PDB file of all heavy atoms in Angstrom:
ATOM      1  N   ILE A   1       1.976   8.481  -0.490  1.00  0.00           N
ATOM      2  CA  ILE A   1       2.190   7.138  -1.043  1.00  0.00           C
ATOM      3  C   ILE A   1       1.980   7.107  -2.545  1.00  0.00           C
ATOM      4  O   ILE A   1       2.560   6.270  -3.223  1.00  0.00           O
ATOM      5  CB  ILE A   1       1.364   6.032  -0.338  1.00  0.00           C
ATOM      6  CG1 ILE A   1      -0.138   6.246  -0.492  1.00  0.00           C
ATOM      7  CG2 ILE A   1       1.745   5.928   1.110  1.00  0.00           C
ATOM      8  CD1 ILE A   1      -0.957   5.086   0.043  1.00  0.00           C
ATOM      9  N   ASN A   2       1.212   8.030  -3.083  1.00  0.00           N
ATOM     10  CA  ASN A   2       1.051   8.069  -4.543  1.00  0.00           C
ATOM     11  C   ASN A   2       2.284   8.646  -5.230  1.00  0.00           C
ATOM     12  O   ASN A   2       2.408   8.577  -6.441  1.00  0.00           O
ATOM     13  CB  ASN A   2      -0.209   8.831  -4.933  1.00  0.00           C
ATOM     14  CG  ASN A   2      -1.454   8.038  -4.575  1.00  0.00           C
ATOM     15  OD1 ASN A   2      -1.460   6.819  -4.612  1.00  0.00           O
ATOM     16  ND2 ASN A   2      -2.503   8.740  -4.196  1.00  0.00           N
ATOM     17  N   ASP A   3       3.200   9.236  -4.445  1.00  0.00           N
ATOM     18  CA  ASP A   3       4.468   9.738  -4.974  1.00  0.00           C
ATOM     19  C   ASP A   3       5.542   8.657  -4.978  1.00  0.00           C
ATOM     20  O   ASP A   3       6.631   8.874  -5.478  1.00  0.00           O
ATOM     21  CB  ASP A   3       4.989  10.903  -4.129  1.00  0.00           C
ATOM     22  CG  ASP A   3       4.057  12.092  -4.143  1.00  0.00           C
ATOM     23  OD1 ASP A   3       3.403  12.317  -5.175  1.00  0.00           O
ATOM     24  OD2 ASP A   3       3.983  12.793  -3.113  1.00  0.00           O
ATOM     25  N   LEU A   4       5.242   7.532  -4.382  1.00  0.00           N
ATOM     26  CA  LEU A   4       6.227   6.456  -4.232  1.00  0.00           C
ATOM     27  C   LEU A   4       5.983   5.368  -5.264  1.00  0.00           C
ATOM     28  O   LEU A   4       4.859   5.133  -5.686  1.00  0.00           O
ATOM     29  CB  LEU A   4       6.150   5.863  -2.829  1.00  0.00           C
ATOM     30  CG  LEU A   4       6.340   6.862  -1.696  1.00  0.00           C
ATOM     31  CD1 LEU A   4       6.096   6.188  -0.353  1.00  0.00           C
ATOM     32  CD2 LEU A   4       7.728   7.474  -1.736  1.00  0.00           C
ATOM     33  N   ASN A   5       7.030   4.693  -5.621  1.00  0.00           N
ATOM     34  CA  ASN A   5       6.939   3.613  -6.605  1.00  0.00           C
ATOM     35  C   ASN A   5       6.934   2.287  -5.848  1.00  0.00           C
ATOM     36  O   ASN A   5       7.977   1.782  -5.482  1.00  0.00           O
ATOM     37  CB  ASN A   5       8.117   3.698  -7.576  1.00  0.00           C
ATOM     38  CG  ASN A   5       8.035   2.641  -8.638  1.00  0.00           C
ATOM     39  OD1 ASN A   5       7.046   1.930  -8.751  1.00  0.00           O
ATOM     40  ND2 ASN A   5       9.083   2.511  -9.412  1.00  0.00           N
ATOM     41  N   TYR A   6       5.776   1.759  -5.598  1.00  0.00           N
ATOM     42  CA  TYR A   6       5.661   0.478  -4.903  1.00  0.00           C
ATOM     43  C   TYR A   6       5.060  -0.555  -5.841  1.00  0.00           C
ATOM     44  O   TYR A   6       4.198  -1.353  -5.479  1.00  0.00           O
ATOM     45  CB  TYR A   6       4.859   0.603  -3.608  1.00  0.00           C
ATOM     46  CG  TYR A   6       3.525   1.299  -3.772  1.00  0.00           C
ATOM     47  CD1 TYR A   6       2.393   0.586  -4.115  1.00  0.00           C
ATOM     48  CD2 TYR A   6       3.414   2.667  -3.597  1.00  0.00           C
ATOM     49  CE1 TYR A   6       1.183   1.228  -4.280  1.00  0.00           C
ATOM     50  CE2 TYR A   6       2.200   3.309  -3.755  1.00  0.00           C
ATOM     51  CZ  TYR A   6       1.093   2.578  -4.098  1.00  0.00           C
ATOM     52  OH  TYR A   6      -0.106   3.213  -4.267  1.00  0.00           O
ATOM     53  N   ASP A   7       5.536  -0.535  -7.062  1.00  0.00           N
ATOM     54  CA  ASP A   7       5.031  -1.449  -8.082  1.00  0.00           C
ATOM     55  C   ASP A   7       5.270  -2.895  -7.681  1.00  0.00           C
ATOM     56  O   ASP A   7       6.400  -3.298  -7.446  1.00  0.00           O
ATOM     57  CB  ASP A   7       5.738  -1.220  -9.418  1.00  0.00           C
ATOM     58  CG  ASP A   7       5.422   0.147  -9.978  1.00  0.00           C
ATOM     59  OD1 ASP A   7       4.440   0.750  -9.529  1.00  0.00           O
ATOM     60  OD2 ASP A   7       6.164   0.596 -10.862  1.00  0.00           O
ATOM     61  N   THR A   8       4.210  -3.637  -7.628  1.00  0.00           N
ATOM     62  CA  THR A   8       4.297  -5.056  -7.306  1.00  0.00           C
ATOM     63  C   THR A   8       2.940  -5.688  -7.559  1.00  0.00           C
ATOM     64  O   THR A   8       1.911  -5.033  -7.456  1.00  0.00           O
ATOM     65  CB  THR A   8       4.737  -5.290  -5.847  1.00  0.00           C
ATOM     66  OG1 THR A   8       4.780  -6.687  -5.589  1.00  0.00           O
ATOM     67  CG2 THR A   8       3.806  -4.635  -4.851  1.00  0.00           C
ATOM     68  N   GLU A   9       2.965  -6.908  -7.894  1.00  0.00           N
ATOM     69  CA  GLU A   9       1.682  -7.597  -8.042  1.00  0.00           C
ATOM     70  C   GLU A   9       1.153  -8.045  -6.691  1.00  0.00           C
ATOM     71  O   GLU A   9       0.052  -8.526  -6.581  1.00  0.00           O
ATOM     72  CB  GLU A   9       1.829  -8.782  -8.991  1.00  0.00           C
ATOM     73  CG  GLU A   9       2.852  -9.802  -8.553  1.00  0.00           C
ATOM     74  CD  GLU A   9       3.157 -10.799  -9.650  1.00  0.00           C
ATOM     75  OE1 GLU A   9       3.190 -10.421 -10.824  1.00  0.00           O
ATOM     76  OE2 GLU A   9       3.357 -11.966  -9.300  1.00  0.00           O
ATOM     77  N   LYS A  10       1.945  -7.854  -5.651  1.00  0.00           N
ATOM     78  CA  LYS A  10       1.532  -8.280  -4.321  1.00  0.00           C
ATOM     79  C   LYS A  10       1.284  -7.090  -3.406  1.00  0.00           C
ATOM     80  O   LYS A  10       1.761  -7.040  -2.286  1.00  0.00           O
ATOM     81  CB  LYS A  10       2.590  -9.206  -3.710  1.00  0.00           C
ATOM     82  CG  LYS A  10       2.708 -10.509  -4.462  1.00  0.00           C
ATOM     83  CD  LYS A  10       3.610 -11.466  -3.760  1.00  0.00           C
ATOM     84  CE  LYS A  10       3.649 -12.780  -4.525  1.00  0.00           C
ATOM     85  NZ  LYS A  10       4.371 -13.795  -3.819  1.00  0.00           N
ATOM     86  N   SER A  11       0.545  -6.097  -3.900  1.00  0.00           N
ATOM     87  CA  SER A  11       0.171  -4.967  -3.062  1.00  0.00           C
ATOM     88  C   SER A  11      -1.343  -4.930  -2.941  1.00  0.00           C
ATOM     89  O   SER A  11      -2.067  -5.353  -3.844  1.00  0.00           O
ATOM     90  CB  SER A  11       0.713  -3.656  -3.632  1.00  0.00           C
ATOM     91  OG  SER A  11       0.111  -3.360  -4.863  1.00  0.00           O
ATOM     92  N   SER A  12      -1.795  -4.429  -1.804  1.00  0.00           N
ATOM     93  CA  SER A  12      -3.237  -4.337  -1.588  1.00  0.00           C
ATOM     94  C   SER A  12      -3.549  -3.127  -0.726  1.00  0.00           C
ATOM     95  O   SER A  12      -2.759  -2.738   0.138  1.00  0.00           O
ATOM     96  CB  SER A  12      -3.766  -5.613  -0.926  1.00  0.00           C
ATOM     97  OG  SER A  12      -3.098  -5.872   0.291  1.00  0.00           O
ATOM     98  N   GLU A  13      -4.696  -2.535  -0.985  1.00  0.00           N
ATOM     99  CA  GLU A  13      -5.152  -1.407  -0.196  1.00  0.00           C
ATOM    100  C   GLU A  13      -5.689  -1.928   1.133  1.00  0.00           C
ATOM    101  O   GLU A  13      -6.408  -2.927   1.167  1.00  0.00           O
ATOM    102  CB  GLU A  13      -6.224  -0.634  -0.947  1.00  0.00           C
ATOM    103  CG  GLU A  13      -5.686   0.023  -2.205  1.00  0.00           C
ATOM    104  CD  GLU A  13      -6.746   0.792  -2.978  1.00  0.00           C
ATOM    105  OE1 GLU A  13      -7.808   1.113  -2.404  1.00  0.00           O
ATOM    106  OE2 GLU A  13      -6.494   1.074  -4.154  1.00  0.00           O
ATOM    107  N   VAL A  14      -5.310  -1.251   2.218  1.00  0.00           N
ATOM    108  CA  VAL A  14      -5.763  -1.614   3.559  1.00  0.00           C
ATOM    109  C   VAL A  14      -6.076  -0.328   4.315  1.00  0.00           C
ATOM    110  O   VAL A  14      -5.731   0.764   3.869  1.00  0.00           O
ATOM    111  CB  VAL A  14      -4.695  -2.446   4.332  1.00  0.00           C
ATOM    112  CG1 VAL A  14      -4.460  -3.790   3.660  1.00  0.00           C
ATOM    113  CG2 VAL A  14      -3.388  -1.693   4.469  1.00  0.00           C
ATOM    114  N   THR A  15      -6.707  -0.462   5.450  1.00  0.00           N
ATOM    115  CA  THR A  15      -6.950   0.665   6.335  1.00  0.00           C
ATOM    116  C   THR A  15      -6.168   0.417   7.616  1.00  0.00           C
ATOM    117  O   THR A  15      -6.253  -0.661   8.214  1.00  0.00           O
ATOM    118  CB  THR A  15      -8.454   0.810   6.651  1.00  0.00           C
ATOM    119  OG1 THR A  15      -9.152   1.014   5.413  1.00  0.00           O
ATOM    120  CG2 THR A  15      -8.711   1.980   7.573  1.00  0.00           C
ATOM    121  N   ILE A  16      -5.409   1.413   8.014  1.00  0.00           N
ATOM    122  CA  ILE A  16      -4.631   1.345   9.254  1.00  0.00           C
ATOM    123  C   ILE A  16      -5.100   2.511  10.118  1.00  0.00           C
ATOM    124  O   ILE A  16      -4.858   3.671   9.777  1.00  0.00           O
ATOM    125  CB  ILE A  16      -3.106   1.453   8.980  1.00  0.00           C
ATOM    126  CG1 ILE A  16      -2.622   0.325   8.076  1.00  0.00           C
ATOM    127  CG2 ILE A  16      -2.324   1.506  10.281  1.00  0.00           C
ATOM    128  CD1 ILE A  16      -2.673  -1.069   8.683  1.00  0.00           C
ATOM    129  N   GLY A  17      -5.793   2.201  11.212  1.00  0.00           N
ATOM    130  CA  GLY A  17      -6.386   3.258  12.025  1.00  0.00           C
ATOM    131  C   GLY A  17      -7.344   4.058  11.161  1.00  0.00           C
ATOM    132  O   GLY A  17      -8.188   3.496  10.471  1.00  0.00           O
ATOM    133  N   LYS A  18      -7.175   5.377  11.148  1.00  0.00           N
ATOM    134  CA  LYS A  18      -8.033   6.247  10.334  1.00  0.00           C
ATOM    135  C   LYS A  18      -7.436   6.522   8.950  1.00  0.00           C
ATOM    136  O   LYS A  18      -7.975   7.326   8.192  1.00  0.00           O
ATOM    137  CB  LYS A  18      -8.285   7.570  11.057  1.00  0.00           C
ATOM    138  CG  LYS A  18      -7.040   8.403  11.266  1.00  0.00           C
ATOM    139  CD  LYS A  18      -7.352   9.678  12.039  1.00  0.00           C
ATOM    140  CE  LYS A  18      -6.081  10.502  12.245  1.00  0.00           C
ATOM    141  NZ  LYS A  18      -6.346  11.717  13.012  1.00  0.00           N
ATOM    142  N   TYR A  19      -6.345   5.847   8.619  1.00  0.00           N
ATOM    143  CA  TYR A  19      -5.619   6.124   7.384  1.00  0.00           C
ATOM    144  C   TYR A  19      -5.775   5.053   6.320  1.00  0.00           C
ATOM    145  O   TYR A  19      -5.840   3.866   6.623  1.00  0.00           O
ATOM    146  CB  TYR A  19      -4.113   6.279   7.676  1.00  0.00           C
ATOM    147  CG  TYR A  19      -3.815   7.379   8.643  1.00  0.00           C
ATOM    148  CD1 TYR A  19      -3.578   7.099   9.980  1.00  0.00           C
ATOM    149  CD2 TYR A  19      -3.801   8.703   8.215  1.00  0.00           C
ATOM    150  CE1 TYR A  19      -3.318   8.120  10.872  1.00  0.00           C
ATOM    151  CE2 TYR A  19      -3.540   9.731   9.113  1.00  0.00           C
ATOM    152  CZ  TYR A  19      -3.299   9.430  10.437  1.00  0.00           C
ATOM    153  OH  TYR A  19      -3.061  10.446  11.319  1.00  0.00           O
ATOM    154  N   ASP A  20      -5.776   5.499   5.068  1.00  0.00           N
ATOM    155  CA  ASP A  20      -5.652   4.577   3.945  1.00  0.00           C
ATOM    156  C   ASP A  20      -4.184   4.166   3.885  1.00  0.00           C
ATOM    157  O   ASP A  20      -3.289   4.946   4.240  1.00  0.00           O
ATOM    158  CB  ASP A  20      -6.033   5.256   2.631  1.00  0.00           C
ATOM    159  CG  ASP A  20      -7.514   5.587   2.549  1.00  0.00           C
ATOM    160  OD1 ASP A  20      -8.321   4.884   3.201  1.00  0.00           O
ATOM    161  OD2 ASP A  20      -7.857   6.551   1.839  1.00  0.00           O
ATOM    162  N   ALA A  21      -3.942   2.955   3.453  1.00  0.00           N
ATOM    163  CA  ALA A  21      -2.573   2.451   3.381  1.00  0.00           C
ATOM    164  C   ALA A  21      -2.477   1.411   2.276  1.00  0.00           C
ATOM    165  O   ALA A  21      -3.488   0.960   1.734  1.00  0.00           O
ATOM    166  CB  ALA A  21      -2.166   1.847   4.730  1.00  0.00           C
ATOM    167  N   VAL A  22      -1.251   1.047   1.961  1.00  0.00           N
ATOM    168  CA  VAL A  22      -0.981  -0.014   1.006  1.00  0.00           C
ATOM    169  C   VAL A  22      -0.047  -1.004   1.680  1.00  0.00           C
ATOM    170  O   VAL A  22       0.966  -0.614   2.261  1.00  0.00           O
ATOM    171  CB  VAL A  22      -0.322   0.530  -0.286  1.00  0.00           C
ATOM    172  CG1 VAL A  22       0.083  -0.604  -1.207  1.00  0.00           C
ATOM    173  CG2 VAL A  22      -1.267   1.475  -1.003  1.00  0.00           C
ATOM    174  N   LYS A  23      -0.419  -2.276   1.626  1.00  0.00           N
ATOM    175  CA  LYS A  23       0.451  -3.342   2.134  1.00  0.00           C
ATOM    176  C   LYS A  23       1.157  -3.952   0.927  1.00  0.00           C
ATOM    177  O   LYS A  23       0.514  -4.321  -0.050  1.00  0.00           O
ATOM    178  CB  LYS A  23      -0.364  -4.415   2.864  1.00  0.00           C
ATOM    179  CG  LYS A  23       0.505  -5.556   3.391  1.00  0.00           C
ATOM    180  CD  LYS A  23      -0.281  -6.521   4.240  1.00  0.00           C
ATOM    181  CE  LYS A  23      -1.186  -7.366   3.394  1.00  0.00           C
ATOM    182  NZ  LYS A  23      -1.831  -8.465   4.108  1.00  0.00           N
ATOM    183  N   VAL A  24       2.489  -4.024   1.013  1.00  0.00           N
ATOM    184  CA  VAL A  24       3.295  -4.560  -0.078  1.00  0.00           C
ATOM    185  C   VAL A  24       4.015  -5.800   0.448  1.00  0.00           C
ATOM    186  O   VAL A  24       4.892  -5.707   1.303  1.00  0.00           O
ATOM    187  CB  VAL A  24       4.331  -3.531  -0.591  1.00  0.00           C
ATOM    188  CG1 VAL A  24       5.131  -4.120  -1.744  1.00  0.00           C
ATOM    189  CG2 VAL A  24       3.633  -2.244  -1.013  1.00  0.00           C
ATOM    190  N   GLU A  25       3.611  -6.955  -0.077  1.00  0.00           N
ATOM    191  CA  GLU A  25       4.246  -8.209   0.314  1.00  0.00           C
ATOM    192  C   GLU A  25       5.456  -8.475  -0.576  1.00  0.00           C
ATOM    193  O   GLU A  25       5.413  -8.229  -1.777  1.00  0.00           O
ATOM    194  CB  GLU A  25       3.250  -9.362   0.179  1.00  0.00           C
ATOM    195  CG  GLU A  25       2.039  -9.213   1.078  1.00  0.00           C
ATOM    196  CD  GLU A  25       1.047 -10.336   0.900  1.00  0.00           C
ATOM    197  OE1 GLU A  25       1.476 -11.505   0.770  1.00  0.00           O
ATOM    198  OE2 GLU A  25      -0.159 -10.036   0.878  1.00  0.00           O
ATOM    199  N   GLU A  26       6.517  -8.949   0.022  1.00  0.00           N
ATOM    200  CA  GLU A  26       7.736  -9.328  -0.696  1.00  0.00           C
ATOM    201  C   GLU A  26       8.297  -8.213  -1.574  1.00  0.00           C
ATOM    202  O   GLU A  26       8.579  -8.431  -2.760  1.00  0.00           O
ATOM    203  CB  GLU A  26       7.498 -10.579  -1.542  1.00  0.00           C
ATOM    204  CG  GLU A  26       7.073 -11.781  -0.761  1.00  0.00           C
ATOM    205  CD  GLU A  26       6.807 -12.999  -1.636  1.00  0.00           C
ATOM    206  OE1 GLU A  26       7.320 -13.064  -2.772  1.00  0.00           O
ATOM    207  OE2 GLU A  26       6.087 -13.896  -1.168  1.00  0.00           O
TER     208      GLU A  26
END
């Protein structure tokens, strides 16, 4: 995910199961 460009002011770090994740709204 650090290789991806998910630039947005509406992103937040979350945990999904045992994994770190990023939720990107809109």
